[in-house]
Every structure is written in structure tokens, then in C-alpha cells.
């Protein structure tokens, strides 16, 4: 299976457990690796047969802006499920980074894999 990826997709969302976090927009970064059969698109050179990177990134951005969660674990699960359902992706590896969340760390985050390659 082929892997289509998007690295360091920046989105803005309200996310966090603490009261002060719930009222502010924060940057999150997604790394997405998605199993998708690229052969039909490559053979025909037709965008409608490919996994559209722009559409995936726009949908993730829209979802992050329209939803608020306390946990990055919840955001990661919901985004993975959304991509698998809306874009017919059979496997996804998603890493969600929350930069600046720890004073002595560049970033923290979670990484999940769902589905089958």
C-alpha cells in the first residue's frame, strides 16, 4: 500500500484542560500518514483518483476550528476517524503536536495508528 503524507499541518483550535486554555486559540500541528492506493491516479494522471492533500488539510483545519476538546487524545481520535470516513483511508498514523504546552519542552503530543495497511 502507498502512503500519502502531510507533515506539520498547522491548525488553530481551543484545546486544553485548564480554564485559561479554554478561552484562547492555540496552535496545533498534525503529521498525517495515510494508506491510499496511488496507482489508479498515477496511471491516469487524474486528480479525482488521488487522495487530495488540499481537501484533507482543509477538512482537518475546519474540524479543529469548529470543535473544542480538553484532551489532545480526543482531538487525535476524532480527526483520525473523520479522515478515514470522509476520504476512504483504510489506515492512518496521526501525530498531534501541542507546542509550548510544557515549559521545558518544545512540544508534547500523541501518536496513534488506526485501521489496517
Protein backbone atom coordinates (compact mmCIF):
# COMPACT_ATOMS: atom_id res chain seq x y z
CA UNK A 1 0.00 0.00 0.00
CA UNK A 2 1.14 3.51 -0.74
CA UNK A 3 1.49 6.19 1.92
CA UNK A 4 0.32 9.75 1.37
CA UNK A 5 1.60 12.18 3.98
CA UNK A 6 1.14 15.71 5.23
CA UNK A 7 3.74 16.98 7.72
CA UNK A 8 3.37 19.77 10.25
CA UNK A 9 -0.12 20.86 9.22
CA UNK A 10 -0.77 23.88 11.41
CA UNK A 11 -4.27 24.43 12.76
CA UNK A 12 -5.70 26.78 15.35
CA UNK A 13 -8.05 25.42 17.98
CA UNK A 14 -9.28 25.86 21.52
CA UNK A 15 -7.93 22.88 23.41
CA UNK A 16 -6.94 22.23 26.97
CA UNK A 17 -7.97 21.12 30.42
CA UNK A 18 -7.25 24.32 32.31
CA UNK A 19 -9.65 27.25 32.41
CA UNK A 20 -7.25 29.70 30.81
CA UNK A 21 -6.72 27.32 27.86
CA UNK A 22 -10.43 27.07 27.09
CA UNK A 23 -10.62 30.73 26.20
CA UNK A 24 -7.60 31.04 23.92
CA UNK A 25 -6.74 29.85 20.44
CA UNK A 26 -3.68 27.60 20.33
CA UNK A 27 -1.53 26.25 17.52
CA UNK A 28 -1.51 22.52 16.95
CA UNK A 29 0.48 20.61 14.36
CA UNK A 30 -0.61 17.39 12.68
CA UNK A 31 1.61 14.85 10.96
CA UNK A 32 -0.58 12.56 8.87
CA UNK A 33 0.41 9.34 7.11
CA UNK A 34 -2.45 7.72 5.22
CA UNK A 35 -2.62 4.44 3.33
CA UNK A 36 -4.08 5.03 -0.12
CA UNK A 37 -3.72 3.23 -3.43
CA UNK A 38 -1.99 5.81 -5.66
CA UNK A 39 -1.71 3.53 -8.71
CA UNK A 40 -5.03 4.48 -10.38
CA UNK A 41 -4.22 8.18 -10.08
CA UNK A 42 -0.64 7.69 -11.24
CA UNK A 43 -1.71 5.61 -14.25
CA UNK A 44 -4.32 8.12 -15.39
CA UNK A 45 -2.83 11.39 -14.07
CA UNK A 46 -6.33 12.25 -12.75
CA UNK A 47 -6.65 14.22 -9.51
CA UNK A 48 -10.10 12.77 -8.79
CA UNK A 49 -8.47 9.34 -8.33
CA UNK A 50 -5.89 10.64 -5.86
CA UNK A 51 -6.16 11.41 -2.18
CA UNK A 52 -6.48 15.17 -2.38
CA UNK A 53 -3.96 16.69 0.06
CA UNK A 54 -5.61 20.09 -0.08
CA UNK A 55 -9.07 18.69 0.74
CA UNK A 56 -7.72 16.65 3.65
CA UNK A 57 -5.81 19.60 5.10
CA UNK A 58 -8.77 21.97 4.70
CA UNK A 59 -11.13 19.49 6.38
CA UNK A 60 -8.78 18.95 9.33
CA UNK A 61 -8.38 22.71 9.72
CA UNK A 62 -12.14 23.25 9.59
CA UNK A 63 -12.75 20.49 12.15
CA UNK A 64 -10.12 21.88 14.54
CA UNK A 65 -11.61 25.37 14.36
CA UNK A 66 -15.20 24.20 14.87
CA UNK A 67 -14.59 21.80 17.78
CA UNK A 68 -13.19 22.26 21.26
CA UNK A 69 -11.76 19.44 23.36
CA UNK A 70 -9.95 19.21 26.66
CA UNK A 71 -7.60 16.42 25.58
CA UNK A 72 -5.33 16.18 22.56
CA UNK A 73 -6.07 12.44 22.70
CA UNK A 74 -9.71 13.20 21.89
CA UNK A 75 -8.78 15.55 19.05
CA UNK A 76 -6.45 12.92 17.57
CA UNK A 77 -9.08 10.18 17.69
CA UNK A 78 -11.78 12.35 16.15
CA UNK A 79 -9.57 13.63 13.34
CA UNK A 80 -8.35 10.11 12.50
CA UNK A 81 -11.95 8.84 12.35
CA UNK A 82 -13.01 11.80 10.22
CA UNK A 83 -10.22 11.25 7.67
CA UNK A 84 -10.86 7.52 7.46
CA UNK A 85 -14.58 8.03 6.95
CA UNK A 86 -14.66 11.04 4.65
CA UNK A 87 -11.66 10.18 2.47
CA UNK A 88 -11.87 6.36 2.34
CA UNK A 89 -8.50 5.94 4.03
CA UNK A 90 -8.01 2.39 5.34
CA UNK A 91 -5.09 3.19 7.69
CA UNK A 92 -3.80 6.34 9.30
CA UNK A 93 -0.87 7.23 11.51
CA UNK A 94 -1.55 10.58 13.12
CA UNK A 95 0.80 12.57 15.32
CA UNK A 96 -0.63 15.60 17.07
CA UNK A 97 1.82 18.15 18.48
CA UNK A 98 0.92 20.82 21.04
CA UNK A 99 3.91 23.18 21.08
CA UNK A 100 4.66 25.26 24.14
CA UNK A 101 2.44 23.20 26.44
CA UNK A 102 5.38 22.32 28.71
CA UNK A 103 7.80 24.98 29.82
CA UNK A 104 10.90 22.85 29.26
CA UNK A 105 9.84 21.09 26.06
CA UNK A 106 9.44 22.24 22.50
CA UNK A 107 6.25 20.23 22.14
CA UNK A 108 4.20 17.41 23.54
CA UNK A 109 1.74 15.18 21.79
CA UNK A 110 0.25 11.85 20.96
CA UNK A 111 0.69 9.44 18.09
CA UNK A 112 -2.00 6.95 17.09
CA UNK A 113 -2.47 4.39 14.33
CA UNK A 114 -5.91 3.26 13.26
CA UNK A 115 -7.10 0.82 10.62
CA UNK A 116 -5.14 -1.64 8.52
CA UNK A 117 -2.42 -1.06 5.96
